[in-house]
């Protein structure tokens, strides 16, 4: 009797897992079909009106995220009382051309001008 109940429970768990997988697959299929239908309607409307079809593209620029993070950290590093728009607050050389901290302690290389090959 115990083996019968254990086998029945195993069968029901498998049946539930297959049903969940089937529902998940069908929902993904439905989402894909909706996107395909929207794309087809958009294409048909563009051809009907004589306009060119512009592709759907994700305009992602990785530099945007870097610039956002880099600029957001700048407000936490400011220690002087000079307003950010004042000319004294802006450094004379760009950040990427300034020497690194501790660079004057290096003795085994020949220094050269930045930007040279």
N, C-alpha and C. Protein backbone atom coordinates (compact mmCIF):
# COMPACT_ATOMS: atom_id res chain seq x y z
N UNK A 1 0.83 -1.19 0.00
CA UNK A 1 0.00 0.00 0.00
C UNK A 1 0.88 1.27 0.00
N UNK A 2 1.96 1.21 0.78
CA UNK A 2 2.85 2.35 0.87
C UNK A 2 3.52 2.62 -0.47
N UNK A 3 3.91 1.57 -1.20
CA UNK A 3 4.53 1.74 -2.52
C UNK A 3 3.53 2.30 -3.52
N UNK A 4 2.30 1.93 -3.39
CA UNK A 4 1.27 2.44 -4.30
C UNK A 4 1.09 3.95 -4.12
N UNK A 5 1.02 4.42 -2.89
CA UNK A 5 0.86 5.85 -2.63
C UNK A 5 2.11 6.63 -3.05
N UNK A 6 3.29 6.09 -2.79
CA UNK A 6 4.52 6.77 -3.19
C UNK A 6 4.59 6.87 -4.72
N UNK A 7 4.25 5.81 -5.42
CA UNK A 7 4.24 5.82 -6.89
C UNK A 7 3.21 6.80 -7.43
N UNK A 8 2.05 6.86 -6.80
CA UNK A 8 1.00 7.78 -7.23
C UNK A 8 1.43 9.24 -7.02
N UNK A 9 2.07 9.51 -5.89
CA UNK A 9 2.54 10.88 -5.61
C UNK A 9 3.64 11.27 -6.60
N UNK A 10 4.57 10.34 -6.89
CA UNK A 10 5.61 10.62 -7.88
C UNK A 10 5.02 10.92 -9.25
N UNK A 11 4.01 10.15 -9.63
CA UNK A 11 3.35 10.37 -10.91
C UNK A 11 2.65 11.73 -10.95
N UNK A 12 2.00 12.10 -9.87
CA UNK A 12 1.31 13.40 -9.82
C UNK A 12 2.30 14.56 -9.86
N UNK A 13 3.44 14.42 -9.17
CA UNK A 13 4.45 15.48 -9.20
C UNK A 13 5.01 15.63 -10.62
N UNK A 14 5.27 14.52 -11.27
CA UNK A 14 5.74 14.58 -12.66
C UNK A 14 4.70 15.21 -13.56
N UNK A 15 3.46 14.86 -13.38
CA UNK A 15 2.37 15.41 -14.19
C UNK A 15 2.26 16.92 -13.98
N UNK A 16 2.38 17.37 -12.74
CA UNK A 16 2.31 18.81 -12.44
C UNK A 16 3.50 19.53 -13.07
N UNK A 17 4.70 18.96 -12.97
CA UNK A 17 5.87 19.59 -13.57
C UNK A 17 5.78 19.67 -15.08
N UNK A 18 5.26 18.64 -15.71
CA UNK A 18 5.07 18.67 -17.17
C UNK A 18 4.04 19.73 -17.53
N UNK A 19 2.98 19.85 -16.74
CA UNK A 19 1.95 20.86 -17.00
C UNK A 19 2.52 22.26 -16.85
N UNK A 20 3.34 22.49 -15.82
CA UNK A 20 3.96 23.80 -15.63
C UNK A 20 4.89 24.12 -16.79
N UNK A 21 5.68 23.16 -17.22
CA UNK A 21 6.56 23.37 -18.36
C UNK A 21 5.77 23.66 -19.64
N UNK A 22 4.68 22.98 -19.83
CA UNK A 22 3.85 23.21 -21.00
C UNK A 22 3.23 24.60 -20.98
N UNK A 23 2.75 25.02 -19.83
CA UNK A 23 2.18 26.36 -19.72
C UNK A 23 3.26 27.42 -19.98
N UNK A 24 4.46 27.22 -19.45
CA UNK A 24 5.55 28.16 -19.67
C UNK A 24 5.91 28.23 -21.16
N UNK A 25 6.02 27.07 -21.80
CA UNK A 25 6.34 27.03 -23.22
C UNK A 25 5.25 27.73 -24.04
N UNK A 26 4.01 27.46 -23.73
CA UNK A 26 2.92 28.08 -24.48
C UNK A 26 2.86 29.59 -24.26
N UNK A 27 3.20 30.06 -23.06
CA UNK A 27 3.21 31.50 -22.83
C UNK A 27 4.34 32.18 -23.61
N UNK A 28 5.52 31.53 -23.69
CA UNK A 28 6.59 32.08 -24.51
C UNK A 28 6.22 32.07 -25.99
N UNK A 29 5.58 31.02 -26.41
CA UNK A 29 5.14 30.94 -27.81
C UNK A 29 4.12 32.02 -28.11
N UNK A 30 3.19 32.25 -27.20
CA UNK A 30 2.18 33.29 -27.40
C UNK A 30 2.83 34.67 -27.45
N UNK A 31 3.81 34.93 -26.58
CA UNK A 31 4.50 36.22 -26.60
C UNK A 31 5.25 36.41 -27.92
N UNK A 32 5.89 35.37 -28.41
CA UNK A 32 6.57 35.46 -29.70
C UNK A 32 5.60 35.69 -30.85
N UNK A 33 4.46 35.04 -30.79
CA UNK A 33 3.46 35.24 -31.85
C UNK A 33 2.89 36.65 -31.81
N UNK A 34 2.70 37.20 -30.63
CA UNK A 34 2.21 38.58 -30.52
C UNK A 34 3.24 39.55 -31.10
N UNK A 35 4.52 39.34 -30.79
CA UNK A 35 5.55 40.20 -31.37
C UNK A 35 5.62 40.05 -32.89
N UNK A 36 5.51 38.83 -33.37
CA UNK A 36 5.54 38.62 -34.82
C UNK A 36 4.33 39.28 -35.49
N UNK A 37 3.18 39.19 -34.84
CA UNK A 37 1.98 39.83 -35.39
C UNK A 37 2.14 41.35 -35.40
N UNK A 38 2.67 41.91 -34.33
CA UNK A 38 2.88 43.36 -34.28
C UNK A 38 3.87 43.79 -35.36
N UNK A 39 4.93 43.02 -35.56
CA UNK A 39 5.90 43.35 -36.58
C UNK A 39 5.27 43.25 -37.97
N UNK A 40 4.45 42.24 -38.19
CA UNK A 40 3.78 42.08 -39.49
C UNK A 40 2.80 43.21 -39.78
N UNK A 41 2.04 43.61 -38.77
CA UNK A 41 1.10 44.72 -38.95
C UNK A 41 1.88 46.00 -39.24
N UNK A 42 2.97 46.20 -38.55
CA UNK A 42 3.81 47.39 -38.77
C UNK A 42 4.39 47.39 -40.18
N UNK A 43 4.85 46.22 -40.63
CA UNK A 43 5.39 46.11 -41.99
C UNK A 43 4.30 46.37 -43.03
N UNK A 44 3.12 45.79 -42.81
CA UNK A 44 2.02 45.99 -43.76
C UNK A 44 1.60 47.46 -43.81
N UNK A 45 1.55 48.12 -42.66
CA UNK A 45 1.17 49.53 -42.63
C UNK A 45 2.22 50.39 -43.33
N UNK A 46 3.49 50.05 -43.16
CA UNK A 46 4.55 50.82 -43.82
C UNK A 46 4.47 50.64 -45.33
N UNK A 47 4.20 49.44 -45.78
CA UNK A 47 4.09 49.22 -47.23
C UNK A 47 2.84 49.88 -47.80
N UNK A 48 1.77 49.88 -47.02
CA UNK A 48 0.53 50.48 -47.47
C UNK A 48 0.68 52.00 -47.60
N UNK A 49 1.37 52.61 -46.68
CA UNK A 49 1.55 54.07 -46.71
C UNK A 49 2.77 54.49 -47.52
N UNK A 50 3.62 53.56 -47.94
CA UNK A 50 4.78 53.88 -48.76
C UNK A 50 5.97 54.39 -47.97
N UNK A 51 5.97 54.19 -46.68
CA UNK A 51 7.08 54.64 -45.85
C UNK A 51 8.09 53.51 -45.69
N UNK A 52 9.36 53.85 -45.46
CA UNK A 52 10.35 52.79 -45.22
C UNK A 52 10.14 52.17 -43.83
N UNK A 53 10.48 50.92 -43.74
CA UNK A 53 10.36 50.22 -42.47
C UNK A 53 11.68 50.35 -41.73
N UNK A 54 11.63 50.98 -40.58
CA UNK A 54 12.84 51.10 -39.77
C UNK A 54 12.90 49.91 -38.83
N UNK A 55 14.07 49.32 -38.67
CA UNK A 55 14.17 48.14 -37.82
C UNK A 55 14.04 48.51 -36.34
N UNK A 56 13.53 47.54 -35.59
CA UNK A 56 13.51 47.71 -34.14
C UNK A 56 14.90 47.39 -33.64
N UNK A 57 15.52 48.35 -33.01
CA UNK A 57 16.88 48.15 -32.52
C UNK A 57 16.99 48.74 -31.13
N UNK A 58 17.72 48.06 -30.29
CA UNK A 58 17.99 48.59 -28.95
C UNK A 58 19.18 49.52 -29.05
N UNK A 59 18.95 50.77 -28.84
CA UNK A 59 20.03 51.76 -28.93
C UNK A 59 20.71 51.85 -27.57
N UNK A 60 21.67 50.99 -27.36
CA UNK A 60 22.37 50.92 -26.08
C UNK A 60 23.80 51.37 -26.30
N UNK A 61 24.21 52.33 -25.54
CA UNK A 61 25.58 52.82 -25.61
C UNK A 61 26.24 52.53 -24.27
N UNK A 62 27.22 51.63 -24.21
CA UNK A 62 27.84 51.31 -22.92
C UNK A 62 28.56 52.48 -22.28
N UNK A 63 28.94 53.47 -23.09
CA UNK A 63 29.61 54.64 -22.52
C UNK A 63 28.67 55.47 -21.65
N UNK A 64 27.37 55.40 -21.92
CA UNK A 64 26.41 56.15 -21.13
C UNK A 64 26.41 55.70 -19.68
N UNK A 65 26.42 54.40 -19.46
CA UNK A 65 26.45 53.89 -18.10
C UNK A 65 27.74 54.28 -17.40
N UNK A 66 28.85 54.18 -18.09
CA UNK A 66 30.13 54.56 -17.47
C UNK A 66 30.14 56.04 -17.12
N UNK A 67 29.68 56.89 -18.03
CA UNK A 67 29.66 58.33 -17.75
C UNK A 67 28.74 58.66 -16.59
N UNK A 68 27.62 57.97 -16.50
CA UNK A 68 26.70 58.22 -15.39
C UNK A 68 27.34 57.88 -14.06
N UNK A 69 27.97 56.74 -13.99
CA UNK A 69 28.62 56.33 -12.74
C UNK A 69 29.80 57.24 -12.43
N UNK A 70 30.56 57.60 -13.43
CA UNK A 70 31.75 58.43 -13.22
C UNK A 70 31.35 59.82 -12.73
N UNK A 71 30.30 60.38 -13.33
CA UNK A 71 29.86 61.71 -12.91
C UNK A 71 29.19 61.68 -11.54
N UNK A 72 28.46 60.62 -11.21
CA UNK A 72 27.77 60.58 -9.93
C UNK A 72 28.77 60.47 -8.78
N UNK A 73 29.92 59.87 -9.01
CA UNK A 73 30.93 59.78 -7.96
C UNK A 73 31.69 61.08 -7.76
N UNK A 74 31.64 61.98 -8.75
CA UNK A 74 32.40 63.23 -8.64
C UNK A 74 31.85 64.12 -7.53
N UNK A 75 30.57 64.09 -7.29
CA UNK A 75 30.03 64.97 -6.25
C UNK A 75 30.43 64.52 -4.86
N UNK A 76 30.75 63.25 -4.67
CA UNK A 76 31.16 62.77 -3.36
C UNK A 76 32.64 63.02 -3.11
N UNK A 77 33.43 63.23 -4.16
CA UNK A 77 34.86 63.45 -4.00
C UNK A 77 35.21 64.92 -3.78
N UNK A 78 34.32 65.83 -4.04
CA UNK A 78 34.62 67.25 -3.95
C UNK A 78 34.77 67.65 -2.48
N UNK A 79 35.91 68.23 -2.13
CA UNK A 79 36.16 68.61 -0.74
C UNK A 79 36.32 70.11 -0.58
N UNK A 80 36.55 70.84 -1.66
CA UNK A 80 36.72 72.28 -1.53
C UNK A 80 35.37 72.99 -1.53
N UNK A 81 35.38 74.27 -1.19
CA UNK A 81 34.15 75.04 -1.12
C UNK A 81 33.90 75.85 -2.38
N UNK A 82 34.63 75.57 -3.44
CA UNK A 82 34.46 76.29 -4.69
C UNK A 82 33.26 75.71 -5.42
N UNK A 83 32.35 76.54 -5.94
CA UNK A 83 31.20 75.99 -6.67
C UNK A 83 31.66 75.26 -7.93
N UNK A 84 30.87 74.25 -8.36
CA UNK A 84 31.30 73.43 -9.50
C UNK A 84 31.46 74.21 -10.80
N UNK A 85 30.76 75.32 -10.98
CA UNK A 85 30.85 76.06 -12.23
C UNK A 85 31.99 77.05 -12.27
N UNK A 86 32.67 77.27 -11.16
CA UNK A 86 33.76 78.24 -11.12
C UNK A 86 34.95 77.74 -11.92
N UNK A 87 35.70 78.66 -12.57
CA UNK A 87 36.86 78.23 -13.37
C UNK A 87 37.95 77.59 -12.53
N UNK A 88 38.05 77.96 -11.24
CA UNK A 88 39.08 77.38 -10.39
C UNK A 88 38.80 75.91 -10.09
N UNK A 89 37.52 75.53 -10.17
CA UNK A 89 37.15 74.15 -9.85
C UNK A 89 37.55 73.18 -10.96
N UNK A 90 37.63 73.70 -12.20
CA UNK A 90 37.97 72.82 -13.31
C UNK A 90 39.47 72.65 -13.40
N UNK A 91 39.96 71.42 -13.52
CA UNK A 91 41.41 71.21 -13.63
C UNK A 91 41.91 71.69 -14.99
N UNK A 92 43.19 72.01 -15.05
CA UNK A 92 43.79 72.50 -16.27
C UNK A 92 43.98 71.39 -17.30
N UNK A 93 44.39 70.20 -16.85
CA UNK A 93 44.59 69.08 -17.78
C UNK A 93 43.44 68.09 -17.62
N UNK A 94 43.08 67.42 -18.70
CA UNK A 94 42.02 66.42 -18.60
C UNK A 94 42.41 65.29 -17.65
N UNK A 95 41.42 64.64 -17.13
CA UNK A 95 41.65 63.60 -16.13
C UNK A 95 42.49 62.45 -16.70
N UNK A 96 42.23 62.08 -17.94
CA UNK A 96 42.94 60.92 -18.49
C UNK A 96 44.39 61.24 -18.84
N UNK A 97 44.79 62.53 -18.80
CA UNK A 97 46.17 62.88 -19.08
C UNK A 97 46.98 63.20 -17.83
N UNK A 98 46.34 63.22 -16.67
CA UNK A 98 47.07 63.49 -15.44
C UNK A 98 47.89 62.28 -15.03
N UNK A 99 49.04 62.48 -14.40
CA UNK A 99 49.84 61.33 -13.94
C UNK A 99 49.13 60.61 -12.80
N UNK A 100 49.34 59.32 -12.73
CA UNK A 100 48.74 58.52 -11.68
C UNK A 100 49.43 58.79 -10.34
N UNK A 101 48.70 58.61 -9.24
CA UNK A 101 49.34 58.79 -7.94
C UNK A 101 50.47 57.78 -7.76
N UNK A 102 51.62 58.25 -7.33
CA UNK A 102 52.77 57.38 -7.12
C UNK A 102 53.61 57.17 -8.36
N UNK A 103 53.27 57.84 -9.47
CA UNK A 103 54.02 57.65 -10.71
C UNK A 103 55.42 58.24 -10.61
N UNK A 104 55.61 59.23 -9.76
CA UNK A 104 56.94 59.83 -9.63
C UNK A 104 57.91 58.91 -8.87
N UNK A 105 57.40 57.88 -8.22
CA UNK A 105 58.25 56.95 -7.49
C UNK A 105 58.81 55.83 -8.37
N UNK A 106 58.30 55.68 -9.59
CA UNK A 106 58.76 54.63 -10.49
C UNK A 106 60.10 55.05 -11.08
N UNK A 107 61.09 54.16 -11.03
CA UNK A 107 62.43 54.51 -11.49
C UNK A 107 62.94 53.63 -12.62
N UNK A 108 62.23 52.57 -12.98
CA UNK A 108 62.77 51.64 -13.97
C UNK A 108 62.24 51.84 -15.38
N UNK A 109 61.56 52.95 -15.65
CA UNK A 109 61.05 53.23 -17.00
C UNK A 109 61.44 54.64 -17.40
N UNK A 110 61.41 54.90 -18.72
CA UNK A 110 61.69 56.24 -19.25
C UNK A 110 60.36 56.96 -19.44
N UNK A 111 60.15 58.13 -18.82
CA UNK A 111 58.88 58.85 -19.03
C UNK A 111 58.81 59.42 -20.43
N UNK A 112 57.61 59.52 -20.98
CA UNK A 112 57.39 60.13 -22.28
C UNK A 112 56.10 60.92 -22.26
N UNK A 113 55.87 61.72 -23.27
CA UNK A 113 54.69 62.55 -23.34
C UNK A 113 53.45 61.69 -23.61
N UNK A 114 52.30 62.02 -23.00
CA UNK A 114 51.09 61.25 -23.27
C UNK A 114 50.62 61.46 -24.70
N UNK A 115 50.03 60.46 -25.26
CA UNK A 115 49.49 60.52 -26.61
C UNK A 115 50.49 60.14 -27.69
N UNK A 116 51.74 59.98 -27.36
CA UNK A 116 52.75 59.58 -28.34
C UNK A 116 52.77 58.07 -28.52
N UNK A 117 53.28 57.61 -29.66
CA UNK A 117 53.34 56.16 -29.90
C UNK A 117 54.67 55.60 -29.50
